[in-house]
């Protein structure tokens, strides 16, 4: 999760569907 420290404090999230599948299995 990337968070900018100045207003408007935009955030960017990086995730992967394979990680979710691994937990489900």
PDBML (XML) file of the C-alpha atoms, coordinates in Angstrom:
<?xml version="1.0" encoding="UTF-8" ?>
<PDBx:datablock datablockName="MODEL"
   xmlns:PDBx="http://pdbml.pdb.org/schema/pdbx-v50.xsd"
   xmlns:xsi="http://www.w3.org/2001/XMLSchema-instance"
   xsi:schemaLocation="http://pdbml.pdb.org/schema/pdbx-v50.xsd pdbx-v50.xsd">
   <PDBx:atom_siteCategory>
      <PDBx:atom_site id="1">
         <PDBx:B_iso_or_equiv>0.00</PDBx:B_iso_or_equiv>
         <PDBx:Cartn_x>0.000</PDBx:Cartn_x>
         <PDBx:Cartn_y>0.000</PDBx:Cartn_y>
         <PDBx:Cartn_z>0.000</PDBx:Cartn_z>
         <PDBx:auth_asym_id>A</PDBx:auth_asym_id>
         <PDBx:auth_atom_id>CA</PDBx:auth_atom_id>
         <PDBx:auth_comp_id>UNK</PDBx:auth_comp_id>
         <PDBx:auth_seq_id>1</PDBx:auth_seq_id>
         <PDBx:group_PDB>ATOM</PDBx:group_PDB>
         <PDBx:label_alt_id xsi:nil="true" />
         <PDBx:label_asym_id>A</PDBx:label_asym_id>
         <PDBx:label_atom_id>CA</PDBx:label_atom_id>
         <PDBx:label_comp_id>UNK</PDBx:label_comp_id>
         <PDBx:label_entity_id>1</PDBx:label_entity_id>
         <PDBx:label_seq_id>1</PDBx:label_seq_id>
         <PDBx:occupancy>1.00</PDBx:occupancy>
         <PDBx:pdbx_PDB_model_num>1</PDBx:pdbx_PDB_model_num>
         <PDBx:type_symbol>C</PDBx:type_symbol>
      </PDBx:atom_site>
      <PDBx:atom_site id="2">
         <PDBx:B_iso_or_equiv>0.00</PDBx:B_iso_or_equiv>
         <PDBx:Cartn_x>1.522</PDBx:Cartn_x>
         <PDBx:Cartn_y>3.306</PDBx:Cartn_y>
         <PDBx:Cartn_z>-1.122</PDBx:Cartn_z>
         <PDBx:auth_asym_id>A</PDBx:auth_asym_id>
         <PDBx:auth_atom_id>CA</PDBx:auth_atom_id>
         <PDBx:auth_comp_id>UNK</PDBx:auth_comp_id>
         <PDBx:auth_seq_id>2</PDBx:auth_seq_id>
         <PDBx:group_PDB>ATOM</PDBx:group_PDB>
         <PDBx:label_alt_id xsi:nil="true" />
         <PDBx:label_asym_id>A</PDBx:label_asym_id>
         <PDBx:label_atom_id>CA</PDBx:label_atom_id>
         <PDBx:label_comp_id>UNK</PDBx:label_comp_id>
         <PDBx:label_entity_id>1</PDBx:label_entity_id>
         <PDBx:label_seq_id>2</PDBx:label_seq_id>
         <PDBx:occupancy>1.00</PDBx:occupancy>
         <PDBx:pdbx_PDB_model_num>1</PDBx:pdbx_PDB_model_num>
         <PDBx:type_symbol>C</PDBx:type_symbol>
      </PDBx:atom_site>
      <PDBx:atom_site id="3">
         <PDBx:B_iso_or_equiv>0.00</PDBx:B_iso_or_equiv>
         <PDBx:Cartn_x>0.359</PDBx:Cartn_x>
         <PDBx:Cartn_y>6.459</PDBx:Cartn_y>
         <PDBx:Cartn_z>0.707</PDBx:Cartn_z>
         <PDBx:auth_asym_id>A</PDBx:auth_asym_id>
         <PDBx:auth_atom_id>CA</PDBx:auth_atom_id>
         <PDBx:auth_comp_id>UNK</PDBx:auth_comp_id>
         <PDBx:auth_seq_id>3</PDBx:auth_seq_id>
         <PDBx:group_PDB>ATOM</PDBx:group_PDB>
         <PDBx:label_alt_id xsi:nil="true" />
         <PDBx:label_asym_id>A</PDBx:label_asym_id>
         <PDBx:label_atom_id>CA</PDBx:label_atom_id>
         <PDBx:label_comp_id>UNK</PDBx:label_comp_id>
         <PDBx:label_entity_id>1</PDBx:label_entity_id>
         <PDBx:label_seq_id>3</PDBx:label_seq_id>
         <PDBx:occupancy>1.00</PDBx:occupancy>
         <PDBx:pdbx_PDB_model_num>1</PDBx:pdbx_PDB_model_num>
         <PDBx:type_symbol>C</PDBx:type_symbol>
      </PDBx:atom_site>
      <PDBx:atom_site id="4">
         <PDBx:B_iso_or_equiv>0.00</PDBx:B_iso_or_equiv>
         <PDBx:Cartn_x>1.195</PDBx:Cartn_x>
         <PDBx:Cartn_y>10.014</PDBx:Cartn_y>
         <PDBx:Cartn_z>-0.338</PDBx:Cartn_z>
         <PDBx:auth_asym_id>A</PDBx:auth_asym_id>
         <PDBx:auth_atom_id>CA</PDBx:auth_atom_id>
         <PDBx:auth_comp_id>UNK</PDBx:auth_comp_id>
         <PDBx:auth_seq_id>4</PDBx:auth_seq_id>
         <PDBx:group_PDB>ATOM</PDBx:group_PDB>
         <PDBx:label_alt_id xsi:nil="true" />
         <PDBx:label_asym_id>A</PDBx:label_asym_id>
         <PDBx:label_atom_id>CA</PDBx:label_atom_id>
         <PDBx:label_comp_id>UNK</PDBx:label_comp_id>
         <PDBx:label_entity_id>1</PDBx:label_entity_id>
         <PDBx:label_seq_id>4</PDBx:label_seq_id>
         <PDBx:occupancy>1.00</PDBx:occupancy>
         <PDBx:pdbx_PDB_model_num>1</PDBx:pdbx_PDB_model_num>
         <PDBx:type_symbol>C</PDBx:type_symbol>
      </PDBx:atom_site>
      <PDBx:atom_site id="5">
         <PDBx:B_iso_or_equiv>0.00</PDBx:B_iso_or_equiv>
         <PDBx:Cartn_x>2.087</PDBx:Cartn_x>
         <PDBx:Cartn_y>12.236</PDBx:Cartn_y>
         <PDBx:Cartn_z>2.623</PDBx:Cartn_z>
         <PDBx:auth_asym_id>A</PDBx:auth_asym_id>
         <PDBx:auth_atom_id>CA</PDBx:auth_atom_id>
         <PDBx:auth_comp_id>UNK</PDBx:auth_comp_id>
         <PDBx:auth_seq_id>5</PDBx:auth_seq_id>
         <PDBx:group_PDB>ATOM</PDBx:group_PDB>
         <PDBx:label_alt_id xsi:nil="true" />
         <PDBx:label_asym_id>A</PDBx:label_asym_id>
         <PDBx:label_atom_id>CA</PDBx:label_atom_id>
         <PDBx:label_comp_id>UNK</PDBx:label_comp_id>
         <PDBx:label_entity_id>1</PDBx:label_entity_id>
         <PDBx:label_seq_id>5</PDBx:label_seq_id>
         <PDBx:occupancy>1.00</PDBx:occupancy>
         <PDBx:pdbx_PDB_model_num>1</PDBx:pdbx_PDB_model_num>
         <PDBx:type_symbol>C</PDBx:type_symbol>
      </PDBx:atom_site>
      <PDBx:atom_site id="6">
         <PDBx:B_iso_or_equiv>0.00</PDBx:B_iso_or_equiv>
         <PDBx:Cartn_x>0.528</PDBx:Cartn_x>
         <PDBx:Cartn_y>15.425</PDBx:Cartn_y>
         <PDBx:Cartn_z>1.200</PDBx:Cartn_z>
         <PDBx:auth_asym_id>A</PDBx:auth_asym_id>
         <PDBx:auth_atom_id>CA</PDBx:auth_atom_id>
         <PDBx:auth_comp_id>UNK</PDBx:auth_comp_id>
         <PDBx:auth_seq_id>6</PDBx:auth_seq_id>
         <PDBx:group_PDB>ATOM</PDBx:group_PDB>
         <PDBx:label_alt_id xsi:nil="true" />
         <PDBx:label_asym_id>A</PDBx:label_asym_id>
         <PDBx:label_atom_id>CA</PDBx:label_atom_id>
         <PDBx:label_comp_id>UNK</PDBx:label_comp_id>
         <PDBx:label_entity_id>1</PDBx:label_entity_id>
         <PDBx:label_seq_id>6</PDBx:label_seq_id>
         <PDBx:occupancy>1.00</PDBx:occupancy>
         <PDBx:pdbx_PDB_model_num>1</PDBx:pdbx_PDB_model_num>
         <PDBx:type_symbol>C</PDBx:type_symbol>
      </PDBx:atom_site>
      <PDBx:atom_site id="7">
         <PDBx:B_iso_or_equiv>0.00</PDBx:B_iso_or_equiv>
         <PDBx:Cartn_x>-3.099</PDBx:Cartn_x>
         <PDBx:Cartn_y>16.270</PDBx:Cartn_y>
         <PDBx:Cartn_z>0.646</PDBx:Cartn_z>
         <PDBx:auth_asym_id>A</PDBx:auth_asym_id>
         <PDBx:auth_atom_id>CA</PDBx:auth_atom_id>
         <PDBx:auth_comp_id>UNK</PDBx:auth_comp_id>
         <PDBx:auth_seq_id>7</PDBx:auth_seq_id>
         <PDBx:group_PDB>ATOM</PDBx:group_PDB>
         <PDBx:label_alt_id xsi:nil="true" />
         <PDBx:label_asym_id>A</PDBx:label_asym_id>
         <PDBx:label_atom_id>CA</PDBx:label_atom_id>
         <PDBx:label_comp_id>UNK</PDBx:label_comp_id>
         <PDBx:label_entity_id>1</PDBx:label_entity_id>
         <PDBx:label_seq_id>7</PDBx:label_seq_id>
         <PDBx:occupancy>1.00</PDBx:occupancy>
         <PDBx:pdbx_PDB_model_num>1</PDBx:pdbx_PDB_model_num>
         <PDBx:type_symbol>C</PDBx:type_symbol>
      </PDBx:atom_site>
      <PDBx:atom_site id="8">
         <PDBx:B_iso_or_equiv>0.00</PDBx:B_iso_or_equiv>
         <PDBx:Cartn_x>-5.211</PDBx:Cartn_x>
         <PDBx:Cartn_y>14.753</PDBx:Cartn_y>
         <PDBx:Cartn_z>-0.939</PDBx:Cartn_z>
         <PDBx:auth_asym_id>A</PDBx:auth_asym_id>
         <PDBx:auth_atom_id>CA</PDBx:auth_atom_id>
         <PDBx:auth_comp_id>UNK</PDBx:auth_comp_id>
         <PDBx:auth_seq_id>8</PDBx:auth_seq_id>
         <PDBx:group_PDB>ATOM</PDBx:group_PDB>
         <PDBx:label_alt_id xsi:nil="true" />
         <PDBx:label_asym_id>A</PDBx:label_asym_id>
         <PDBx:label_atom_id>CA</PDBx:label_atom_id>
         <PDBx:label_comp_id>UNK</PDBx:label_comp_id>
         <PDBx:label_entity_id>1</PDBx:label_entity_id>
         <PDBx:label_seq_id>8</PDBx:label_seq_id>
         <PDBx:occupancy>1.00</PDBx:occupancy>
         <PDBx:pdbx_PDB_model_num>1</PDBx:pdbx_PDB_model_num>
         <PDBx:type_symbol>C</PDBx:type_symbol>
      </PDBx:atom_site>
      <PDBx:atom_site id="9">
         <PDBx:B_iso_or_equiv>0.00</PDBx:B_iso_or_equiv>
         <PDBx:Cartn_x>-3.443</PDBx:Cartn_x>
         <PDBx:Cartn_y>11.662</PDBx:Cartn_y>
         <PDBx:Cartn_z>0.541</PDBx:Cartn_z>
         <PDBx:auth_asym_id>A</PDBx:auth_asym_id>
         <PDBx:auth_atom_id>CA</PDBx:auth_atom_id>
         <PDBx:auth_comp_id>UNK</PDBx:auth_comp_id>
         <PDBx:auth_seq_id>9</PDBx:auth_seq_id>
         <PDBx:group_PDB>ATOM</PDBx:group_PDB>
         <PDBx:label_alt_id xsi:nil="true" />
         <PDBx:label_asym_id>A</PDBx:label_asym_id>
         <PDBx:label_atom_id>CA</PDBx:label_atom_id>
         <PDBx:label_comp_id>UNK</PDBx:label_comp_id>
         <PDBx:label_entity_id>1</PDBx:label_entity_id>
         <PDBx:label_seq_id>9</PDBx:label_seq_id>
         <PDBx:occupancy>1.00</PDBx:occupancy>
         <PDBx:pdbx_PDB_model_num>1</PDBx:pdbx_PDB_model_num>
         <PDBx:type_symbol>C</PDBx:type_symbol>
      </PDBx:atom_site>
      <PDBx:atom_site id="10">
         <PDBx:B_iso_or_equiv>0.00</PDBx:B_iso_or_equiv>
         <PDBx:Cartn_x>-3.943</PDBx:Cartn_x>
         <PDBx:Cartn_y>9.410</PDBx:Cartn_y>
         <PDBx:Cartn_z>-2.474</PDBx:Cartn_z>
         <PDBx:auth_asym_id>A</PDBx:auth_asym_id>
         <PDBx:auth_atom_id>CA</PDBx:auth_atom_id>
         <PDBx:auth_comp_id>UNK</PDBx:auth_comp_id>
         <PDBx:auth_seq_id>10</PDBx:auth_seq_id>
         <PDBx:group_PDB>ATOM</PDBx:group_PDB>
         <PDBx:label_alt_id xsi:nil="true" />
         <PDBx:label_asym_id>A</PDBx:label_asym_id>
         <PDBx:label_atom_id>CA</PDBx:label_atom_id>
         <PDBx:label_comp_id>UNK</PDBx:label_comp_id>
         <PDBx:label_entity_id>1</PDBx:label_entity_id>
         <PDBx:label_seq_id>10</PDBx:label_seq_id>
         <PDBx:occupancy>1.00</PDBx:occupancy>
         <PDBx:pdbx_PDB_model_num>1</PDBx:pdbx_PDB_model_num>
         <PDBx:type_symbol>C</PDBx:type_symbol>
      </PDBx:atom_site>
      <PDBx:atom_site id="11">
         <PDBx:B_iso_or_equiv>0.00</PDBx:B_iso_or_equiv>
         <PDBx:Cartn_x>-3.293</PDBx:Cartn_x>
         <PDBx:Cartn_y>5.723</PDBx:Cartn_y>
         <PDBx:Cartn_z>-1.892</PDBx:Cartn_z>
         <PDBx:auth_asym_id>A</PDBx:auth_asym_id>
         <PDBx:auth_atom_id>CA</PDBx:auth_atom_id>
         <PDBx:auth_comp_id>UNK</PDBx:auth_comp_id>
         <PDBx:auth_seq_id>11</PDBx:auth_seq_id>
         <PDBx:group_PDB>ATOM</PDBx:group_PDB>
         <PDBx:label_alt_id xsi:nil="true" />
         <PDBx:label_asym_id>A</PDBx:label_asym_id>
         <PDBx:label_atom_id>CA</PDBx:label_atom_id>
         <PDBx:label_comp_id>UNK</PDBx:label_comp_id>
         <PDBx:label_entity_id>1</PDBx:label_entity_id>
         <PDBx:label_seq_id>11</PDBx:label_seq_id>
         <PDBx:occupancy>1.00</PDBx:occupancy>
         <PDBx:pdbx_PDB_model_num>1</PDBx:pdbx_PDB_model_num>
         <PDBx:type_symbol>C</PDBx:type_symbol>
      </PDBx:atom_site>
      <PDBx:atom_site id="12">
         <PDBx:B_iso_or_equiv>0.00</PDBx:B_iso_or_equiv>
         <PDBx:Cartn_x>-2.308</PDBx:Cartn_x>
         <PDBx:Cartn_y>2.975</PDBx:Cartn_y>
         <PDBx:Cartn_z>-4.319</PDBx:Cartn_z>
         <PDBx:auth_asym_id>A</PDBx:auth_asym_id>
         <PDBx:auth_atom_id>CA</PDBx:auth_atom_id>
         <PDBx:auth_comp_id>UNK</PDBx:auth_comp_id>
         <PDBx:auth_seq_id>12</PDBx:auth_seq_id>
         <PDBx:group_PDB>ATOM</PDBx:group_PDB>
         <PDBx:label_alt_id xsi:nil="true" />
         <PDBx:label_asym_id>A</PDBx:label_asym_id>
         <PDBx:label_atom_id>CA</PDBx:label_atom_id>
         <PDBx:label_comp_id>UNK</PDBx:label_comp_id>
         <PDBx:label_entity_id>1</PDBx:label_entity_id>
         <PDBx:label_seq_id>12</PDBx:label_seq_id>
         <PDBx:occupancy>1.00</PDBx:occupancy>
         <PDBx:pdbx_PDB_model_num>1</PDBx:pdbx_PDB_model_num>
         <PDBx:type_symbol>C</PDBx:type_symbol>
      </PDBx:atom_site>
      <PDBx:atom_site id="13">
         <PDBx:B_iso_or_equiv>0.00</PDBx:B_iso_or_equiv>
         <PDBx:Cartn_x>-2.695</PDBx:Cartn_x>
         <PDBx:Cartn_y>-0.727</PDBx:Cartn_y>
         <PDBx:Cartn_z>-3.569</PDBx:Cartn_z>
         <PDBx:auth_asym_id>A</PDBx:auth_asym_id>
         <PDBx:auth_atom_id>CA</PDBx:auth_atom_id>
         <PDBx:auth_comp_id>UNK</PDBx:auth_comp_id>
         <PDBx:auth_seq_id>13</PDBx:auth_seq_id>
         <PDBx:group_PDB>ATOM</PDBx:group_PDB>
         <PDBx:label_alt_id xsi:nil="true" />
         <PDBx:label_asym_id>A</PDBx:label_asym_id>
         <PDBx:label_atom_id>CA</PDBx:label_atom_id>
         <PDBx:label_comp_id>UNK</PDBx:label_comp_id>
         <PDBx:label_entity_id>1</PDBx:label_entity_id>
         <PDBx:label_seq_id>13</PDBx:label_seq_id>
         <PDBx:occupancy>1.00</PDBx:occupancy>
         <PDBx:pdbx_PDB_model_num>1</PDBx:pdbx_PDB_model_num>
         <PDBx:type_symbol>C</PDBx:type_symbol>
      </PDBx:atom_site>
      <PDBx:atom_site id="14">
         <PDBx:B_iso_or_equiv>0.00</PDBx:B_iso_or_equiv>
         <PDBx:Cartn_x>-0.804</PDBx:Cartn_x>
         <PDBx:Cartn_y>-3.581</PDBx:Cartn_y>
         <PDBx:Cartn_z>-5.242</PDBx:Cartn_z>
         <PDBx:auth_asym_id>A</PDBx:auth_asym_id>
         <PDBx:auth_atom_id>CA</PDBx:auth_atom_id>
         <PDBx:auth_comp_id>UNK</PDBx:auth_comp_id>
         <PDBx:auth_seq_id>14</PDBx:auth_seq_id>
         <PDBx:group_PDB>ATOM</PDBx:group_PDB>
         <PDBx:label_alt_id xsi:nil="true" />
         <PDBx:label_asym_id>A</PDBx:label_asym_id>
         <PDBx:label_atom_id>CA</PDBx:label_atom_id>
         <PDBx:label_comp_id>UNK</PDBx:label_comp_id>
         <PDBx:label_entity_id>1</PDBx:label_entity_id>
         <PDBx:label_seq_id>14</PDBx:label_seq_id>
         <PDBx:occupancy>1.00</PDBx:occupancy>
         <PDBx:pdbx_PDB_model_num>1</PDBx:pdbx_PDB_model_num>
         <PDBx:type_symbol>C</PDBx:type_symbol>
      </PDBx:atom_site>
      <PDBx:atom_site id="15">
         <PDBx:B_iso_or_equiv>0.00</PDBx:B_iso_or_equiv>
         <PDBx:Cartn_x>-2.216</PDBx:Cartn_x>
         <PDBx:Cartn_y>-7.094</PDBx:Cartn_y>
         <PDBx:Cartn_z>-4.845</PDBx:Cartn_z>
         <PDBx:auth_asym_id>A</PDBx:auth_asym_id>
         <PDBx:auth_atom_id>CA</PDBx:auth_atom_id>
         <PDBx:auth_comp_id>UNK</PDBx:auth_comp_id>
         <PDBx:auth_seq_id>15</PDBx:auth_seq_id>
         <PDBx:group_PDB>ATOM</PDBx:group_PDB>
         <PDBx:label_alt_id xsi:nil="true" />
         <PDBx:label_asym_id>A</PDBx:label_asym_id>
         <PDBx:label_atom_id>CA</PDBx:label_atom_id>
         <PDBx:label_comp_id>UNK</PDBx:label_comp_id>
         <PDBx:label_entity_id>1</PDBx:label_entity_id>
         <PDBx:label_seq_id>15</PDBx:label_seq_id>
         <PDBx:occupancy>1.00</PDBx:occupancy>
         <PDBx:pdbx_PDB_model_num>1</PDBx:pdbx_PDB_model_num>
         <PDBx:type_symbol>C</PDBx:type_symbol>
      </PDBx:atom_site>
      <PDBx:atom_site id="16">
         <PDBx:B_iso_or_equiv>0.00</PDBx:B_iso_or_equiv>
         <PDBx:Cartn_x>-2.193</PDBx:Cartn_x>
         <PDBx:Cartn_y>-10.418</PDBx:Cartn_y>
         <PDBx:Cartn_z>-6.674</PDBx:Cartn_z>
         <PDBx:auth_asym_id>A</PDBx:auth_asym_id>
         <PDBx:auth_atom_id>CA</PDBx:auth_atom_id>
         <PDBx:auth_comp_id>UNK</PDBx:auth_comp_id>
         <PDBx:auth_seq_id>16</PDBx:auth_seq_id>
         <PDBx:group_PDB>ATOM</PDBx:group_PDB>
         <PDBx:label_alt_id xsi:nil="true" />
         <PDBx:label_asym_id>A</PDBx:label_asym_id>
         <PDBx:label_atom_id>CA</PDBx:label_atom_id>
         <PDBx:label_comp_id>UNK</PDBx:label_comp_id>
         <PDBx:label_entity_id>1</PDBx:label_entity_id>
         <PDBx:label_seq_id>16</PDBx:label_seq_id>
         <PDBx:occupancy>1.00</PDBx:occupancy>
         <PDBx:pdbx_PDB_model_num>1</PDBx:pdbx_PDB_model_num>
         <PDBx:type_symbol>C</PDBx:type_symbol>
      </PDBx:atom_site>
      <PDBx:atom_site id="17">
         <PDBx:B_iso_or_equiv>0.00</PDBx:B_iso_or_equiv>
         <PDBx:Cartn_x>-5.064</PDBx:Cartn_x>
         <PDBx:Cartn_y>-12.831</PDBx:Cartn_y>
         <PDBx:Cartn_z>-7.268</PDBx:Cartn_z>
         <PDBx:auth_asym_id>A</PDBx:auth_asym_id>
         <PDBx:auth_atom_id>CA</PDBx:auth_atom_id>
         <PDBx:auth_comp_id>UNK</PDBx:auth_comp_id>
         <PDBx:auth_seq_id>17</PDBx:auth_seq_id>
         <PDBx:group_PDB>ATOM</PDBx:group_PDB>
         <PDBx:label_alt_id xsi:nil="true" />
         <PDBx:label_asym_id>A</PDBx:label_asym_id>
         <PDBx:label_atom_id>CA</PDBx:label_atom_id>
         <PDBx:label_comp_id>UNK</PDBx:label_comp_id>
         <PDBx:label_entity_id>1</PDBx:label_entity_id>
         <PDBx:label_seq_id>17</PDBx:label_seq_id>
         <PDBx:occupancy>1.00</PDBx:occupancy>
         <PDBx:pdbx_PDB_model_num>1</PDBx:pdbx_PDB_model_num>
         <PDBx:type_symbol>C</PDBx:type_symbol>
      </PDBx:atom_site>
      <PDBx:atom_site id="18">
         <PDBx:B_iso_or_equiv>0.00</PDBx:B_iso_or_equiv>
         <PDBx:Cartn_x>-2.774</PDBx:Cartn_x>
         <PDBx:Cartn_y>-15.846</PDBx:Cartn_y>
         <PDBx:Cartn_z>-6.826</PDBx:Cartn_z>
         <PDBx:auth_asym_id>A</PDBx:auth_asym_id>
         <PDBx:auth_atom_id>CA</PDBx:auth_atom_id>
         <PDBx:auth_comp_id>UNK</PDBx:auth_comp_id>
         <PDBx:auth_seq_id>18</PDBx:auth_seq_id>
         <PDBx:group_PDB>ATOM</PDBx:group_PDB>
         <PDBx:label_alt_id xsi:nil="true" />
         <PDBx:label_asym_id>A</PDBx:label_asym_id>
         <PDBx:label_atom_id>CA</PDBx:label_atom_id>
         <PDBx:label_comp_id>UNK</PDBx:label_comp_id>
         <PDBx:label_entity_id>1</PDBx:label_entity_id>
         <PDBx:label_seq_id>18</PDBx:label_seq_id>
         <PDBx:occupancy>1.00</PDBx:occupancy>
         <PDBx:pdbx_PDB_model_num>1</PDBx:pdbx_PDB_model_num>
         <PDBx:type_symbol>C</PDBx:type_symbol>
      </PDBx:atom_site>
      <PDBx:atom_site id="19">
         <PDBx:B_iso_or_equiv>0.00</PDBx:B_iso_or_equiv>
         <PDBx:Cartn_x>-2.127</PDBx:Cartn_x>
         <PDBx:Cartn_y>-14.903</PDBx:Cartn_y>
         <PDBx:Cartn_z>-3.191</PDBx:Cartn_z>
         <PDBx:auth_asym_id>A</PDBx:auth_asym_id>
         <PDBx:auth_atom_id>CA</PDBx:auth_atom_id>
         <PDBx:auth_comp_id>UNK</PDBx:auth_comp_id>
         <PDBx:auth_seq_id>19</PDBx:auth_seq_id>
         <PDBx:group_PDB>ATOM</PDBx:group_PDB>
         <PDBx:label_alt_id xsi:nil="true" />
         <PDBx:label_asym_id>A</PDBx:label_asym_id>
         <PDBx:label_atom_id>CA</PDBx:label_atom_id>
         <PDBx:label_comp_id>UNK</PDBx:label_comp_id>
         <PDBx:label_entity_id>1</PDBx:label_entity_id>
         <PDBx:label_seq_id>19</PDBx:label_seq_id>
         <PDBx:occupancy>1.00</PDBx:occupancy>
         <PDBx:pdbx_PDB_model_num>1</PDBx:pdbx_PDB_model_num>
         <PDBx:type_symbol>C</PDBx:type_symbol>
      </PDBx:atom_site>
      <PDBx:atom_site id="20">
         <PDBx:B_iso_or_equiv>0.00</PDBx:B_iso_or_equiv>
         <PDBx:Cartn_x>-5.857</PDBx:Cartn_x>
         <PDBx:Cartn_y>-14.889</PDBx:Cartn_y>
         <PDBx:Cartn_z>-2.476</PDBx:Cartn_z>
         <PDBx:auth_asym_id>A</PDBx:auth_asym_id>
         <PDBx:auth_atom_id>CA</PDBx:auth_atom_id>
         <PDBx:auth_comp_id>UNK</PDBx:auth_comp_id>
         <PDBx:auth_seq_id>20</PDBx:auth_seq_id>
         <PDBx:group_PDB>ATOM</PDBx:group_PDB>
         <PDBx:label_alt_id xsi:nil="true" />
         <PDBx:label_asym_id>A</PDBx:label_asym_id>
         <PDBx:label_atom_id>CA</PDBx:label_atom_id>
         <PDBx:label_comp_id>UNK</PDBx:label_comp_id>
         <PDBx:label_entity_id>1</PDBx:label_entity_id>
         <PDBx:label_seq_id>20</PDBx:label_seq_id>
         <PDBx:occupancy>1.00</PDBx:occupancy>
         <PDBx:pdbx_PDB_model_num>1</PDBx:pdbx_PDB_model_num>
         <PDBx:type_symbol>C</PDBx:type_symbol>
      </PDBx:atom_site>
      <PDBx:atom_site id="21">
         <PDBx:B_iso_or_equiv>0.00</PDBx:B_iso_or_equiv>
         <PDBx:Cartn_x>-6.267</PDBx:Cartn_x>
         <PDBx:Cartn_y>-18.283</PDBx:Cartn_y>
         <PDBx:Cartn_z>-4.154</PDBx:Cartn_z>
         <PDBx:auth_asym_id>A</PDBx:auth_asym_id>
         <PDBx:auth_atom_id>CA</PDBx:auth_atom_id>
         <PDBx:auth_comp_id>UNK</PDBx:auth_comp_id>
         <PDBx:auth_seq_id>21</PDBx:auth_seq_id>
         <PDBx:group_PDB>ATOM</PDBx:group_PDB>
         <PDBx:label_alt_id xsi:nil="true" />
         <PDBx:label_asym_id>A</PDBx:label_asym_id>
         <PDBx:label_atom_id>CA</PDBx:label_atom_id>
         <PDBx:label_comp_id>UNK</PDBx:label_comp_id>
         <PDBx:label_entity_id>1</PDBx:label_entity_id>
         <PDBx:label_seq_id>21</PDBx:label_seq_id>
         <PDBx:occupancy>1.00</PDBx:occupancy>
         <PDBx:pdbx_PDB_model_num>1</PDBx:pdbx_PDB_model_num>
         <PDBx:type_symbol>C</PDBx:type_symbol>
      </PDBx:atom_site>
      <PDBx:atom_site id="22">
         <PDBx:B_iso_or_equiv>0.00</PDBx:B_iso_or_equiv>
         <PDBx:Cartn_x>-3.430</PDBx:Cartn_x>
         <PDBx:Cartn_y>-19.732</PDBx:Cartn_y>
         <PDBx:Cartn_z>-2.081</PDBx:Cartn_z>
         <PDBx:auth_asym_id>A</PDBx:auth_asym_id>
         <PDBx:auth_atom_id>CA</PDBx:auth_atom_id>
         <PDBx:auth_comp_id>UNK</PDBx:auth_comp_id>
         <PDBx:auth_seq_id>22</PDBx:auth_seq_id>
         <PDBx:group_PDB>ATOM</PDBx:group_PDB>
         <PDBx:label_alt_id xsi:nil="true" />
         <PDBx:label_asym_id>A</PDBx:label_asym_id>
         <PDBx:label_atom_id>CA</PDBx:label_atom_id>
         <PDBx:label_comp_id>UNK</PDBx:label_comp_id>
         <PDBx:label_entity_id>1</PDBx:label_entity_id>
         <PDBx:label_seq_id>22</PDBx:label_seq_id>
         <PDBx:occupancy>1.00</PDBx:occupancy>
         <PDBx:pdbx_PDB_model_num>1</PDBx:pdbx_PDB_model_num>
         <PDBx:type_symbol>C</PDBx:type_symbol>
      </PDBx:atom_site>
      <PDBx:atom_site id="23">
         <PDBx:B_iso_or_equiv>0.00</PDBx:B_iso_or_equiv>
         <PDBx:Cartn_x>-5.160</PDBx:Cartn_x>
         <PDBx:Cartn_y>-18.750</PDBx:Cartn_y>
         <PDBx:Cartn_z>1.174</PDBx:Cartn_z>
         <PDBx:auth_asym_id>A</PDBx:auth_asym_id>
         <PDBx:auth_atom_id>CA</PDBx:auth_atom_id>
         <PDBx:auth_comp_id>UNK</PDBx:auth_comp_id>
         <PDBx:auth_seq_id>23</PDBx:auth_seq_id>
         <PDBx:group_PDB>ATOM</PDBx:group_PDB>
         <PDBx:label_alt_id xsi:nil="true" />
         <PDBx:label_asym_id>A</PDBx:label_asym_id>
         <PDBx:label_atom_id>CA</PDBx:label_atom_id>
         <PDBx:label_comp_id>UNK</PDBx:label_comp_id>
         <PDBx:label_entity_id>1</PDBx:label_entity_id>
         <PDBx:label_seq_id>23</PDBx:label_seq_id>
         <PDBx:occupancy>1.00</PDBx:occupancy>
         <PDBx:pdbx_PDB_model_num>1</PDBx:pdbx_PDB_model_num>
         <PDBx:type_symbol>C</PDBx:type_symbol>
      </PDBx:atom_site>
      <PDBx:atom_site id="24">
         <PDBx:B_iso_or_equiv>0.00</PDBx:B_iso_or_equiv>
         <PDBx:Cartn_x>-8.497</PDBx:Cartn_x>
         <PDBx:Cartn_y>-20.148</PDBx:Cartn_y>
         <PDBx:Cartn_z>-0.026</PDBx:Cartn_z>
         <PDBx:auth_asym_id>A</PDBx:auth_asym_id>
         <PDBx:auth_atom_id>CA</PDBx:auth_atom_id>
         <PDBx:auth_comp_id>UNK</PDBx:auth_comp_id>
         <PDBx:auth_seq_id>24</PDBx:auth_seq_id>
         <PDBx:group_PDB>ATOM</PDBx:group_PDB>
         <PDBx:label_alt_id xsi:nil="true" />
         <PDBx:label_asym_id>A</PDBx:label_asym_id>
         <PDBx:label_atom_id>CA</PDBx:label_atom_id>
         <PDBx:label_comp_id>UNK</PDBx:label_comp_id>
         <PDBx:label_entity_id>1</PDBx:label_entity_id>
         <PDBx:label_seq_id>24</PDBx:label_seq_id>
         <PDBx:occupancy>1.00</PDBx:occupancy>
         <PDBx:pdbx_PDB_model_num>1</PDBx:pdbx_PDB_model_num>
         <PDBx:type_symbol>C</PDBx:type_symbol>
      </PDBx:atom_site>
      <PDBx:atom_site id="25">
         <PDBx:B_iso_or_equiv>0.00</PDBx:B_iso_or_equiv>
         <PDBx:Cartn_x>-6.959</PDBx:Cartn_x>
         <PDBx:Cartn_y>-23.518</PDBx:Cartn_y>
         <PDBx:Cartn_z>-0.907</PDBx:Cartn_z>
         <PDBx:auth_asym_id>A</PDBx:auth_asym_id>
         <PDBx:auth_atom_id>CA</PDBx:auth_atom_id>
         <PDBx:auth_comp_id>UNK</PDBx:auth_comp_id>
         <PDBx:auth_seq_id>25</PDBx:auth_seq_id>
         <PDBx:group_PDB>ATOM</PDBx:group_PDB>
         <PDBx:label_alt_id xsi:nil="true" />
         <PDBx:label_asym_id>A</PDBx:label_asym_id>
         <PDBx:label_atom_id>CA</PDBx:label_atom_id>
         <PDBx:label_comp_id>UNK</PDBx:label_comp_id>
         <PDBx:label_entity_id>1</PDBx:label_entity_id>
         <PDBx:label_seq_id>25</PDBx:label_seq_id>
         <PDBx:occupancy>1.00</PDBx:occupancy>
         <PDBx:pdbx_PDB_model_num>1</PDBx:pdbx_PDB_model_num>
         <PDBx:type_symbol>C</PDBx:type_symbol>
      </PDBx:atom_site>
   </PDBx:atom_siteCategory>
</PDBx:datablock>
